[in-house]
């Protein structure tokens, strides 16, 4: 049974995407999943063979460091694209939220206009932003849209954010490339390239 680690807790965007990935491979119920608090912990687990693979969003702030620091022990074995959970810029409707403070995970900071909040506080995950909103640490924040549905008396949606399609990386302890580019030549992108000559070219 293959084991996977990714950023938790359960309900996080990483957990959501990993579930979709395992489901696409038909191994959702034949895999073991463990959630980690940071990717250095996950990298060590894979390197030390306590887990087989690690999933990380390519735009996560720690991605360059993980790829560089462990480059001789941890290798990219797969990559894919997947939409995220729906998000929204939420605002507290009561006085409990800290005035002028907006919580944001760094990769999401351009998803909405945050100029109305002079103090931006970065969190490690979108889920942590939601926790900060619930605890009253922020007046607003980019969190999962479900938070407003679950607590309509506490939050209003300032701007809905449609699911964002990101690139995702799967790391393992053994390289699979053998010095060659591994390209899915039957991918949707390949079909776009094949029809490129028929598409109008912008100038």
N, C-alpha and C. Protein backbone atom coordinates (compact mmCIF):
# COMPACT_ATOMS: atom_id res chain seq x y z
N UNK A 1 0.85 -1.19 0.00
CA UNK A 1 0.00 0.00 0.00
C UNK A 1 0.89 1.25 0.00
N UNK A 2 0.82 2.06 -1.05
CA UNK A 2 1.64 3.28 -1.08
C UNK A 2 1.19 4.28 -0.03
N UNK A 3 2.14 4.99 0.55
CA UNK A 3 1.81 6.00 1.56
C UNK A 3 2.19 7.38 1.05
N UNK A 4 1.33 8.35 1.32
CA UNK A 4 1.52 9.73 0.87
C UNK A 4 1.45 10.67 2.06
N UNK A 5 2.26 11.71 2.01
CA UNK A 5 2.16 12.78 3.00
C UNK A 5 1.90 14.09 2.28
N UNK A 6 1.18 14.97 2.94
CA UNK A 6 0.94 16.31 2.41
C UNK A 6 0.54 17.22 3.55
N UNK A 7 0.45 18.50 3.24
CA UNK A 7 0.17 19.51 4.26
C UNK A 7 -1.26 19.35 4.78
N UNK A 8 -1.39 19.22 6.09
CA UNK A 8 -2.70 19.07 6.71
C UNK A 8 -3.18 20.38 7.28
N UNK A 9 -4.24 20.28 8.07
CA UNK A 9 -4.91 19.04 8.48
C UNK A 9 -5.92 18.58 7.45
N UNK A 10 -6.70 17.57 7.80
CA UNK A 10 -7.78 17.10 6.93
C UNK A 10 -8.69 18.29 6.61
N UNK A 11 -9.04 18.44 5.35
CA UNK A 11 -9.86 19.57 4.93
C UNK A 11 -9.05 20.68 4.29
N UNK A 12 -7.72 20.59 4.36
CA UNK A 12 -6.87 21.58 3.72
C UNK A 12 -6.95 21.42 2.20
N UNK A 13 -6.46 22.42 1.49
CA UNK A 13 -6.46 22.34 0.03
C UNK A 13 -5.56 21.21 -0.45
N UNK A 14 -4.42 21.01 0.22
CA UNK A 14 -3.53 19.91 -0.15
C UNK A 14 -4.22 18.57 0.05
N UNK A 15 -4.95 18.43 1.14
CA UNK A 15 -5.68 17.18 1.39
C UNK A 15 -6.75 16.97 0.32
N UNK A 16 -7.43 18.04 -0.06
CA UNK A 16 -8.47 17.98 -1.07
C UNK A 16 -7.91 17.51 -2.41
N UNK A 17 -6.79 18.10 -2.82
CA UNK A 17 -6.19 17.76 -4.12
C UNK A 17 -5.58 16.35 -4.09
N UNK A 18 -4.96 15.98 -2.98
CA UNK A 18 -4.40 14.63 -2.89
C UNK A 18 -5.49 13.59 -3.04
N UNK A 19 -6.63 13.82 -2.44
CA UNK A 19 -7.74 12.88 -2.57
C UNK A 19 -8.16 12.74 -4.03
N UNK A 20 -8.22 13.85 -4.75
CA UNK A 20 -8.59 13.81 -6.18
C UNK A 20 -7.53 13.07 -6.99
N UNK A 21 -6.27 13.27 -6.65
CA UNK A 21 -5.16 12.62 -7.35
C UNK A 21 -5.21 11.11 -7.15
N UNK A 22 -5.38 10.68 -5.91
CA UNK A 22 -5.44 9.25 -5.62
C UNK A 22 -6.68 8.62 -6.26
N UNK A 23 -7.77 9.36 -6.27
CA UNK A 23 -8.99 8.87 -6.90
C UNK A 23 -8.79 8.69 -8.40
N UNK A 24 -8.09 9.64 -9.03
CA UNK A 24 -7.83 9.54 -10.48
C UNK A 24 -6.99 8.32 -10.81
N UNK A 25 -6.08 7.95 -9.90
CA UNK A 25 -5.24 6.77 -10.11
C UNK A 25 -5.91 5.48 -9.66
N UNK A 26 -7.10 5.60 -9.09
CA UNK A 26 -7.82 4.41 -8.65
C UNK A 26 -7.26 3.77 -7.40
N UNK A 27 -6.53 4.55 -6.58
CA UNK A 27 -5.91 3.99 -5.38
C UNK A 27 -6.32 4.74 -4.11
N UNK A 28 -7.45 5.43 -4.19
CA UNK A 28 -7.89 6.23 -3.05
C UNK A 28 -8.05 5.37 -1.80
N UNK A 29 -8.63 4.19 -1.96
CA UNK A 29 -8.88 3.32 -0.82
C UNK A 29 -7.78 2.27 -0.64
N UNK A 30 -6.72 2.40 -1.43
CA UNK A 30 -5.61 1.46 -1.33
C UNK A 30 -4.32 2.20 -1.00
N UNK A 31 -4.46 3.38 -0.40
CA UNK A 31 -3.31 4.20 -0.03
C UNK A 31 -3.43 4.65 1.41
N UNK A 32 -2.29 4.93 2.00
CA UNK A 32 -2.26 5.50 3.36
C UNK A 32 -1.85 6.96 3.25
N UNK A 33 -2.60 7.85 3.88
CA UNK A 33 -2.33 9.29 3.83
C UNK A 33 -2.04 9.79 5.24
N UNK A 34 -0.98 10.58 5.35
CA UNK A 34 -0.63 11.18 6.63
C UNK A 34 -0.41 12.67 6.41
N UNK A 35 -0.90 13.49 7.34
CA UNK A 35 -0.80 14.94 7.20
C UNK A 35 0.37 15.47 8.02
N UNK A 36 1.06 16.45 7.45
CA UNK A 36 2.25 17.03 8.07
C UNK A 36 2.00 18.51 8.34
N UNK A 37 2.83 19.09 9.20
CA UNK A 37 2.70 20.51 9.52
C UNK A 37 3.60 21.38 8.66
N UNK A 38 4.67 20.82 8.11
CA UNK A 38 5.51 21.57 7.18
C UNK A 38 6.20 20.58 6.24
N UNK A 39 6.64 21.09 5.10
CA UNK A 39 7.16 20.21 4.06
C UNK A 39 8.56 19.68 4.34
N UNK A 40 9.30 20.31 5.22
CA UNK A 40 10.60 19.76 5.61
C UNK A 40 10.38 18.45 6.38
N UNK A 41 9.38 18.43 7.21
CA UNK A 41 9.01 17.21 7.92
C UNK A 41 8.65 16.11 6.93
N UNK A 42 7.84 16.47 5.92
CA UNK A 42 7.44 15.49 4.92
C UNK A 42 8.61 15.00 4.09
N UNK A 43 9.52 15.92 3.73
CA UNK A 43 10.69 15.52 2.95
C UNK A 43 11.53 14.50 3.71
N UNK A 44 11.73 14.76 4.99
CA UNK A 44 12.51 13.82 5.80
C UNK A 44 11.82 12.46 5.90
N UNK A 45 10.51 12.46 5.99
CA UNK A 45 9.77 11.20 6.07
C UNK A 45 9.98 10.36 4.82
N UNK A 46 9.95 11.01 3.65
CA UNK A 46 10.15 10.28 2.40
C UNK A 46 11.60 9.82 2.28
N UNK A 47 12.54 10.69 2.59
CA UNK A 47 13.97 10.35 2.49
C UNK A 47 14.32 9.18 3.41
N UNK A 48 13.72 9.18 4.60
CA UNK A 48 14.01 8.12 5.58
C UNK A 48 13.10 6.91 5.42
N UNK A 49 12.29 6.90 4.35
CA UNK A 49 11.41 5.78 4.00
C UNK A 49 10.29 5.55 5.01
N UNK A 50 9.88 6.61 5.70
CA UNK A 50 8.71 6.50 6.57
C UNK A 50 7.44 6.80 5.77
N UNK A 51 7.60 7.30 4.55
CA UNK A 51 6.50 7.52 3.62
C UNK A 51 7.06 7.33 2.22
N UNK A 52 6.18 7.04 1.27
CA UNK A 52 6.63 6.78 -0.10
C UNK A 52 6.67 8.03 -0.97
N UNK A 53 5.68 8.90 -0.79
CA UNK A 53 5.57 10.07 -1.67
C UNK A 53 5.07 11.28 -0.89
N UNK A 54 5.35 12.46 -1.43
CA UNK A 54 4.87 13.71 -0.83
C UNK A 54 4.27 14.59 -1.93
N UNK A 55 3.11 15.16 -1.65
CA UNK A 55 2.45 16.08 -2.57
C UNK A 55 2.62 17.52 -2.08
N UNK A 56 3.00 18.41 -3.01
CA UNK A 56 3.15 19.83 -2.69
C UNK A 56 2.67 20.67 -3.86
N UNK A 57 1.96 21.75 -3.55
CA UNK A 57 1.56 22.68 -4.60
C UNK A 57 2.80 23.41 -5.11
N UNK A 58 2.91 23.53 -6.42
CA UNK A 58 4.10 24.13 -7.02
C UNK A 58 4.27 25.60 -6.65
N UNK A 59 3.17 26.27 -6.28
CA UNK A 59 3.27 27.69 -5.93
C UNK A 59 3.35 27.90 -4.42
N UNK A 60 3.44 26.84 -3.66
CA UNK A 60 3.61 27.00 -2.22
C UNK A 60 4.95 27.68 -1.95
N UNK A 61 5.01 28.63 -1.01
CA UNK A 61 6.27 29.36 -0.77
C UNK A 61 7.47 28.47 -0.46
N UNK A 62 7.23 27.28 0.07
CA UNK A 62 8.34 26.39 0.43
C UNK A 62 8.81 25.53 -0.73
N UNK A 63 8.14 25.56 -1.87
CA UNK A 63 8.49 24.67 -2.98
C UNK A 63 9.92 24.84 -3.48
N UNK A 64 10.42 26.06 -3.72
CA UNK A 64 11.80 26.19 -4.19
C UNK A 64 12.81 25.65 -3.18
N UNK A 65 12.55 25.89 -1.90
CA UNK A 65 13.48 25.43 -0.87
C UNK A 65 13.49 23.91 -0.78
N UNK A 66 12.33 23.28 -0.85
CA UNK A 66 12.26 21.82 -0.80
C UNK A 66 12.96 21.21 -2.00
N UNK A 67 12.70 21.76 -3.18
CA UNK A 67 13.31 21.24 -4.40
C UNK A 67 14.82 21.40 -4.37
N UNK A 68 15.31 22.52 -3.86
CA UNK A 68 16.75 22.77 -3.84
C UNK A 68 17.48 22.07 -2.72
N UNK A 69 16.96 22.15 -1.51
CA UNK A 69 17.66 21.61 -0.34
C UNK A 69 17.83 20.10 -0.39
N UNK A 70 16.81 19.41 -0.91
CA UNK A 70 16.83 17.94 -0.89
C UNK A 70 17.03 17.35 -2.28
N UNK A 71 17.61 18.12 -3.18
CA UNK A 71 17.68 17.72 -4.58
C UNK A 71 18.41 16.40 -4.83
N UNK A 72 19.30 15.98 -3.92
CA UNK A 72 20.04 14.74 -4.10
C UNK A 72 19.38 13.56 -3.40
N UNK A 73 18.29 13.83 -2.68
CA UNK A 73 17.63 12.75 -1.94
C UNK A 73 16.14 12.64 -2.23
N UNK A 74 15.56 13.71 -2.75
CA UNK A 74 14.13 13.78 -2.99
C UNK A 74 13.92 14.24 -4.43
N UNK A 75 13.10 13.49 -5.19
CA UNK A 75 13.01 13.74 -6.63
C UNK A 75 11.56 13.91 -7.07
N UNK A 76 11.37 14.74 -8.07
CA UNK A 76 10.04 14.89 -8.67
C UNK A 76 9.74 13.64 -9.46
N UNK A 77 8.64 12.96 -9.13
CA UNK A 77 8.26 11.74 -9.84
C UNK A 77 6.98 11.92 -10.64
N UNK A 78 6.25 13.01 -10.38
CA UNK A 78 5.03 13.26 -11.14
C UNK A 78 4.64 14.73 -10.95
N UNK A 79 3.85 15.23 -11.89
CA UNK A 79 3.30 16.58 -11.81
C UNK A 79 1.96 16.58 -12.53
N UNK A 80 1.03 17.39 -12.04
CA UNK A 80 -0.29 17.44 -12.65
C UNK A 80 -0.94 18.78 -12.31
N UNK A 81 -2.10 19.03 -12.89
CA UNK A 81 -2.84 20.26 -12.59
C UNK A 81 -4.18 19.89 -11.97
N UNK A 82 -4.64 20.72 -11.05
CA UNK A 82 -5.93 20.47 -10.41
C UNK A 82 -6.50 21.77 -9.86
N UNK A 83 -7.80 21.95 -9.96
CA UNK A 83 -8.44 23.11 -9.32
C UNK A 83 -8.39 22.97 -7.80
N UNK A 84 -8.40 24.10 -7.14
CA UNK A 84 -8.41 24.15 -5.68
C UNK A 84 -9.85 24.12 -5.18
N UNK A 85 -9.98 24.11 -3.85
CA UNK A 85 -11.29 24.32 -3.25
C UNK A 85 -11.71 25.77 -3.51
N UNK A 86 -13.00 26.04 -3.69
CA UNK A 86 -13.44 27.43 -3.88
C UNK A 86 -13.05 28.29 -2.68
N UNK A 87 -12.58 29.50 -2.97
CA UNK A 87 -12.18 30.43 -1.93
C UNK A 87 -12.96 31.73 -2.05
N UNK A 88 -12.78 32.61 -1.08
CA UNK A 88 -13.43 33.92 -1.12
C UNK A 88 -12.69 34.87 -0.19
N UNK A 89 -12.75 36.14 -0.53
CA UNK A 89 -12.30 37.18 0.40
C UNK A 89 -13.47 37.43 1.34
N UNK A 90 -13.29 37.08 2.61
CA UNK A 90 -14.35 37.20 3.60
C UNK A 90 -14.07 38.35 4.56
N UNK A 91 -15.14 38.96 5.05
CA UNK A 91 -15.01 40.03 6.02
C UNK A 91 -15.88 39.70 7.23
N UNK A 92 -15.34 39.99 8.40
CA UNK A 92 -16.10 39.78 9.63
C UNK A 92 -17.24 40.77 9.71
N UNK A 93 -18.41 40.31 10.13
CA UNK A 93 -19.58 41.19 10.22
C UNK A 93 -19.79 41.70 11.63
N UNK A 94 -18.89 41.35 12.55
CA UNK A 94 -19.02 41.87 13.91
C UNK A 94 -17.73 42.57 14.31
N UNK A 95 -17.72 43.09 15.49
CA UNK A 95 -16.57 43.88 15.95
C UNK A 95 -15.42 43.01 16.45
N UNK A 96 -15.60 41.69 16.36
CA UNK A 96 -14.57 40.80 16.89
C UNK A 96 -13.31 40.75 16.07
N UNK A 97 -13.43 41.06 14.78
CA UNK A 97 -12.25 40.99 13.92
C UNK A 97 -11.32 42.16 14.14
N UNK A 98 -10.02 41.89 14.16
CA UNK A 98 -9.04 42.96 14.36
C UNK A 98 -9.12 43.96 13.22
N UNK A 99 -9.41 45.23 13.49
CA UNK A 99 -9.59 46.23 12.43
C UNK A 99 -8.33 46.40 11.58
N UNK A 100 -8.53 46.46 10.28
CA UNK A 100 -7.42 46.76 9.37
C UNK A 100 -6.51 45.61 9.06
N UNK A 101 -6.76 44.42 9.64
CA UNK A 101 -5.88 43.27 9.42
C UNK A 101 -6.55 42.27 8.48
N UNK A 102 -5.81 41.85 7.46
CA UNK A 102 -6.32 40.84 6.53
C UNK A 102 -5.34 39.67 6.52
N UNK A 103 -5.88 38.47 6.66
CA UNK A 103 -5.06 37.28 6.65
C UNK A 103 -5.00 36.70 5.25
N UNK A 104 -3.82 36.21 4.86
CA UNK A 104 -3.66 35.68 3.51
C UNK A 104 -2.52 34.67 3.45
N UNK A 105 -2.73 33.61 2.70
CA UNK A 105 -1.64 32.70 2.40
C UNK A 105 -0.90 33.31 1.21
N UNK A 106 0.44 33.41 1.24
CA UNK A 106 1.17 34.18 0.23
C UNK A 106 0.81 33.87 -1.23
N UNK A 107 0.54 32.61 -1.53
CA UNK A 107 0.24 32.26 -2.92
C UNK A 107 -1.10 32.81 -3.39
N UNK A 108 -1.96 33.22 -2.44
CA UNK A 108 -3.29 33.71 -2.81
C UNK A 108 -3.40 35.23 -2.77
N UNK A 109 -2.32 35.94 -2.49
CA UNK A 109 -2.42 37.37 -2.21
C UNK A 109 -2.89 38.20 -3.41
N UNK A 110 -2.79 37.67 -4.62
CA UNK A 110 -3.25 38.42 -5.79
C UNK A 110 -4.63 37.95 -6.27
N UNK A 111 -5.27 37.10 -5.51
CA UNK A 111 -6.56 36.58 -5.93
C UNK A 111 -7.68 37.61 -5.73
N UNK A 112 -7.44 38.61 -4.90
CA UNK A 112 -8.46 39.61 -4.61
C UNK A 112 -7.79 40.93 -4.25
N UNK A 113 -8.56 42.01 -4.31
CA UNK A 113 -8.05 43.34 -3.96
C UNK A 113 -8.03 43.49 -2.44
N UNK A 114 -6.83 43.58 -1.88
CA UNK A 114 -6.68 43.67 -0.43
C UNK A 114 -6.35 45.08 0.04
N UNK A 115 -6.48 46.06 -0.85
CA UNK A 115 -6.04 47.42 -0.55
C UNK A 115 -6.84 48.09 0.56
N UNK A 116 -8.02 47.59 0.88
CA UNK A 116 -8.83 48.20 1.95
C UNK A 116 -8.31 47.88 3.34
N UNK A 117 -7.35 46.94 3.42
CA UNK A 117 -6.82 46.53 4.72
C UNK A 117 -5.33 46.86 4.76
N UNK A 118 -4.94 47.84 5.58
CA UNK A 118 -3.56 48.31 5.58
C UNK A 118 -2.54 47.31 6.12
N UNK A 119 -2.98 46.34 6.91
CA UNK A 119 -2.04 45.40 7.50
C UNK A 119 -2.33 43.98 7.00
N UNK A 120 -1.40 43.44 6.23
CA UNK A 120 -1.56 42.09 5.70
C UNK A 120 -0.71 41.13 6.53
N UNK A 121 -1.32 40.06 6.98
CA UNK A 121 -0.63 39.05 7.78
C UNK A 121 -0.62 37.74 7.00
N UNK A 122 0.57 37.18 6.78
CA UNK A 122 0.69 35.96 6.00
C UNK A 122 0.61 34.73 6.90
N UNK A 123 -0.13 33.75 6.43
CA UNK A 123 -0.28 32.48 7.13
C UNK A 123 0.25 31.35 6.24
N UNK A 124 0.52 30.21 6.85
CA UNK A 124 1.10 29.09 6.11
C UNK A 124 0.10 28.41 5.19
N UNK A 125 -1.18 28.56 5.47
CA UNK A 125 -2.19 27.87 4.65
C UNK A 125 -3.48 28.67 4.64
N UNK A 126 -4.33 28.39 3.65
CA UNK A 126 -5.65 29.01 3.56
C UNK A 126 -6.49 28.60 4.76
N UNK A 127 -6.31 27.36 5.18
CA UNK A 127 -7.05 26.87 6.34
C UNK A 127 -6.69 27.65 7.61
N UNK A 128 -5.41 28.01 7.74
CA UNK A 128 -4.97 28.78 8.89
C UNK A 128 -5.56 30.19 8.86
N UNK A 129 -5.75 30.76 7.67
CA UNK A 129 -6.41 32.06 7.56
C UNK A 129 -7.84 31.95 8.09
N UNK A 130 -8.52 30.87 7.71
CA UNK A 130 -9.88 30.65 8.21
C UNK A 130 -9.92 30.53 9.72
N UNK A 131 -8.93 29.85 10.28
CA UNK A 131 -8.85 29.72 11.73
C UNK A 131 -8.64 31.10 12.38
N UNK A 132 -7.82 31.92 11.76
CA UNK A 132 -7.58 33.27 12.27
C UNK A 132 -8.83 34.13 12.23
N UNK A 133 -9.64 33.96 11.18
CA UNK A 133 -10.90 34.70 11.11
C UNK A 133 -11.84 34.25 12.22
N UNK A 134 -11.92 32.97 12.45
CA UNK A 134 -12.79 32.45 13.51
C UNK A 134 -12.35 32.92 14.89
N UNK A 135 -11.04 33.06 15.06
CA UNK A 135 -10.51 33.50 16.34
C UNK A 135 -10.53 35.01 16.51
N UNK A 136 -10.93 35.74 15.46
CA UNK A 136 -11.01 37.19 15.55
C UNK A 136 -9.68 37.90 15.39
N UNK A 137 -8.67 37.21 14.85
CA UNK A 137 -7.37 37.83 14.67
C UNK A 137 -7.35 38.75 13.45
N UNK A 138 -8.32 38.59 12.55
CA UNK A 138 -8.37 39.39 11.33
C UNK A 138 -9.75 39.99 11.13
N UNK A 139 -9.76 41.12 10.47
CA UNK A 139 -11.01 41.74 10.05
C UNK A 139 -11.49 41.09 8.76
N UNK A 140 -10.54 40.58 7.96
CA UNK A 140 -10.87 39.96 6.69
C UNK A 140 -9.78 38.95 6.34
N UNK A 141 -10.05 38.15 5.31
CA UNK A 141 -9.04 37.19 4.90
C UNK A 141 -9.51 36.39 3.69
N UNK A 142 -8.55 35.84 2.96
CA UNK A 142 -8.86 34.93 1.85
C UNK A 142 -8.88 33.52 2.43
N UNK A 143 -10.07 32.95 2.52
CA UNK A 143 -10.26 31.65 3.13
C UNK A 143 -11.15 30.80 2.24
N UNK A 144 -11.40 29.58 2.64
CA UNK A 144 -12.31 28.73 1.89
C UNK A 144 -13.71 29.31 1.95
N UNK A 145 -14.41 29.33 0.82
CA UNK A 145 -15.74 29.93 0.75
C UNK A 145 -16.72 29.24 1.69
N UNK A 146 -16.48 27.98 2.00
CA UNK A 146 -17.38 27.23 2.87
C UNK A 146 -17.48 27.85 4.27
N UNK A 147 -16.48 28.64 4.66
CA UNK A 147 -16.50 29.26 5.99
C UNK A 147 -17.69 30.21 6.12
N UNK A 148 -18.00 30.94 5.06
CA UNK A 148 -19.15 31.86 5.09
C UNK A 148 -20.46 31.09 5.12
N UNK A 149 -20.48 29.95 4.45
CA UNK A 149 -21.70 29.12 4.47
C UNK A 149 -21.93 28.52 5.85
N UNK A 150 -20.83 28.12 6.49
CA UNK A 150 -20.93 27.50 7.81
C UNK A 150 -21.21 28.51 8.91
N UNK A 151 -20.79 29.77 8.70
CA UNK A 151 -20.98 30.82 9.72
C UNK A 151 -21.55 32.09 9.07
N UNK A 152 -22.76 32.01 8.52
CA UNK A 152 -23.32 33.18 7.81
C UNK A 152 -23.55 34.38 8.72
N UNK A 153 -23.68 34.13 10.01
CA UNK A 153 -23.90 35.24 10.95
C UNK A 153 -22.62 35.98 11.28
N UNK A 154 -21.47 35.42 10.90
CA UNK A 154 -20.19 36.01 11.27
C UNK A 154 -19.42 36.61 10.11
N UNK A 155 -19.66 36.08 8.88
CA UNK A 155 -18.84 36.52 7.75
C UNK A 155 -19.68 36.83 6.52
N UNK A 156 -19.21 37.82 5.77
CA UNK A 156 -19.83 38.13 4.48
C UNK A 156 -18.79 37.98 3.39
N UNK A 157 -19.24 37.63 2.21
CA UNK A 157 -18.34 37.45 1.07
C UNK A 157 -18.12 38.80 0.40
N UNK A 158 -16.89 39.27 0.42
CA UNK A 158 -16.53 40.51 -0.28
C UNK A 158 -16.30 40.22 -1.75
N UNK A 159 -15.62 39.11 -2.02
CA UNK A 159 -15.35 38.72 -3.40
C UNK A 159 -15.22 37.20 -3.47
N UNK A 160 -16.05 36.58 -4.30
CA UNK A 160 -15.95 35.14 -4.51
C UNK A 160 -14.75 34.86 -5.42
N UNK A 161 -14.04 33.80 -5.14
CA UNK A 161 -12.87 33.41 -5.94
C UNK A 161 -13.12 32.01 -6.48
N UNK A 162 -13.26 31.91 -7.78
CA UNK A 162 -13.51 30.61 -8.40
C UNK A 162 -12.32 29.69 -8.17
N UNK A 163 -12.53 28.38 -8.21
CA UNK A 163 -11.42 27.44 -8.03
C UNK A 163 -10.25 27.78 -8.95
N UNK A 164 -9.07 27.86 -8.37
CA UNK A 164 -7.86 28.19 -9.12
C UNK A 164 -7.15 26.90 -9.51
N UNK A 165 -6.80 26.77 -10.79
CA UNK A 165 -6.12 25.57 -11.25
C UNK A 165 -4.61 25.77 -11.10
N UNK A 166 -4.00 25.02 -10.20
CA UNK A 166 -2.57 25.12 -9.93
C UNK A 166 -1.83 23.89 -10.41
N UNK A 167 -0.51 24.03 -10.48
CA UNK A 167 0.36 22.88 -10.74
C UNK A 167 0.73 22.24 -9.42
N UNK A 168 0.80 20.91 -9.41
CA UNK A 168 1.11 20.15 -8.20
C UNK A 168 2.26 19.19 -8.48
N UNK A 169 3.10 18.98 -7.46
CA UNK A 169 4.29 18.16 -7.60
C UNK A 169 4.21 16.97 -6.65
N UNK A 170 4.57 15.81 -7.17
CA UNK A 170 4.68 14.61 -6.33
C UNK A 170 6.16 14.26 -6.23
N UNK A 171 6.67 14.17 -5.01
CA UNK A 171 8.07 13.82 -4.76
C UNK A 171 8.18 12.38 -4.28
N UNK A 172 9.30 11.74 -4.65
CA UNK A 172 9.59 10.41 -4.17
C UNK A 172 11.08 10.26 -3.92
N UNK A 173 11.52 9.13 -3.37
CA UNK A 173 12.93 8.94 -3.02
C UNK A 173 13.81 8.46 -4.18
N UNK A 174 13.18 8.12 -5.31
CA UNK A 174 13.93 7.56 -6.44
C UNK A 174 13.58 8.33 -7.71
N UNK A 175 14.57 8.80 -8.46
CA UNK A 175 14.27 9.53 -9.70
C UNK A 175 13.67 8.61 -10.76
N UNK A 176 12.81 9.17 -11.60
CA UNK A 176 12.16 8.38 -12.65
C UNK A 176 12.48 8.87 -14.05
N UNK A 177 13.20 10.00 -14.16
CA UNK A 177 13.39 10.63 -15.47
C UNK A 177 14.50 10.01 -16.31
N UNK A 178 15.50 9.38 -15.67
CA UNK A 178 16.65 8.78 -16.38
C UNK A 178 17.31 9.79 -17.33
N UNK A 179 17.32 11.04 -16.92
CA UNK A 179 17.97 12.07 -17.71
C UNK A 179 17.17 12.56 -18.90
N UNK A 180 15.93 12.13 -19.02
CA UNK A 180 15.09 12.52 -20.14
C UNK A 180 13.89 13.32 -19.66
N UNK A 181 13.35 14.14 -20.53
CA UNK A 181 12.10 14.85 -20.22
C UNK A 181 10.95 13.86 -20.31
N UNK A 182 10.14 13.82 -19.27
CA UNK A 182 8.97 12.95 -19.27
C UNK A 182 7.76 13.82 -19.61
N UNK A 183 7.20 13.60 -20.79
CA UNK A 183 6.14 14.46 -21.30
C UNK A 183 4.93 13.62 -21.66
N UNK A 184 3.77 14.05 -21.22
CA UNK A 184 2.52 13.38 -21.57
C UNK A 184 2.09 13.87 -22.95
N UNK A 185 2.46 13.10 -23.98
CA UNK A 185 2.22 13.55 -25.35
C UNK A 185 0.76 13.41 -25.77
N UNK A 186 -0.05 12.76 -24.95
CA UNK A 186 -1.47 12.66 -25.24
C UNK A 186 -2.30 13.60 -24.38
N UNK A 187 -1.66 14.59 -23.78
CA UNK A 187 -2.33 15.50 -22.86
C UNK A 187 -3.25 16.49 -23.57
N UNK A 188 -4.14 17.15 -22.84
CA UNK A 188 -4.95 18.21 -23.45
C UNK A 188 -4.08 19.31 -24.06
N UNK A 189 -2.93 19.61 -23.44
CA UNK A 189 -2.03 20.62 -24.00
C UNK A 189 -1.49 20.15 -25.35
N UNK A 190 -1.17 18.86 -25.46
CA UNK A 190 -0.65 18.34 -26.73
C UNK A 190 -1.68 18.51 -27.84
N UNK A 191 -2.96 18.33 -27.49
CA UNK A 191 -4.00 18.53 -28.50
C UNK A 191 -4.09 20.00 -28.90
N UNK A 192 -3.86 20.91 -27.92
CA UNK A 192 -3.84 22.33 -28.26
C UNK A 192 -2.69 22.64 -29.22
N UNK A 193 -1.52 22.06 -28.94
CA UNK A 193 -0.36 22.30 -29.80
C UNK A 193 -0.62 21.77 -31.21
N UNK A 194 -1.27 20.62 -31.28
CA UNK A 194 -1.53 20.01 -32.59
C UNK A 194 -2.46 20.86 -33.43
N UNK A 195 -3.34 21.61 -32.77
CA UNK A 195 -4.26 22.46 -33.50
C UNK A 195 -3.83 23.91 -33.57
N UNK A 196 -2.57 24.18 -33.16
CA UNK A 196 -2.10 25.56 -33.08
C UNK A 196 -2.10 26.25 -34.43
N UNK A 197 -1.82 25.49 -35.52
CA UNK A 197 -1.75 26.09 -36.85
C UNK A 197 -3.13 26.57 -37.32
N UNK A 198 -4.19 25.96 -36.77
CA UNK A 198 -5.53 26.34 -37.18
C UNK A 198 -6.10 27.48 -36.34
N UNK A 199 -5.41 27.80 -35.24
CA UNK A 199 -5.92 28.85 -34.36
C UNK A 199 -5.46 30.21 -34.84
N UNK A 200 -6.32 31.23 -34.71
CA UNK A 200 -5.89 32.58 -35.11
C UNK A 200 -4.78 33.09 -34.23
N UNK A 201 -3.81 33.72 -34.81
CA UNK A 201 -2.67 34.24 -34.06
C UNK A 201 -2.89 35.72 -33.77
N UNK A 202 -2.73 36.08 -32.50
CA UNK A 202 -2.85 37.48 -32.13
C UNK A 202 -1.57 38.23 -32.46
N UNK A 203 -1.69 39.48 -32.69
CA UNK A 203 -0.52 40.31 -32.99
C UNK A 203 -0.42 41.42 -31.97
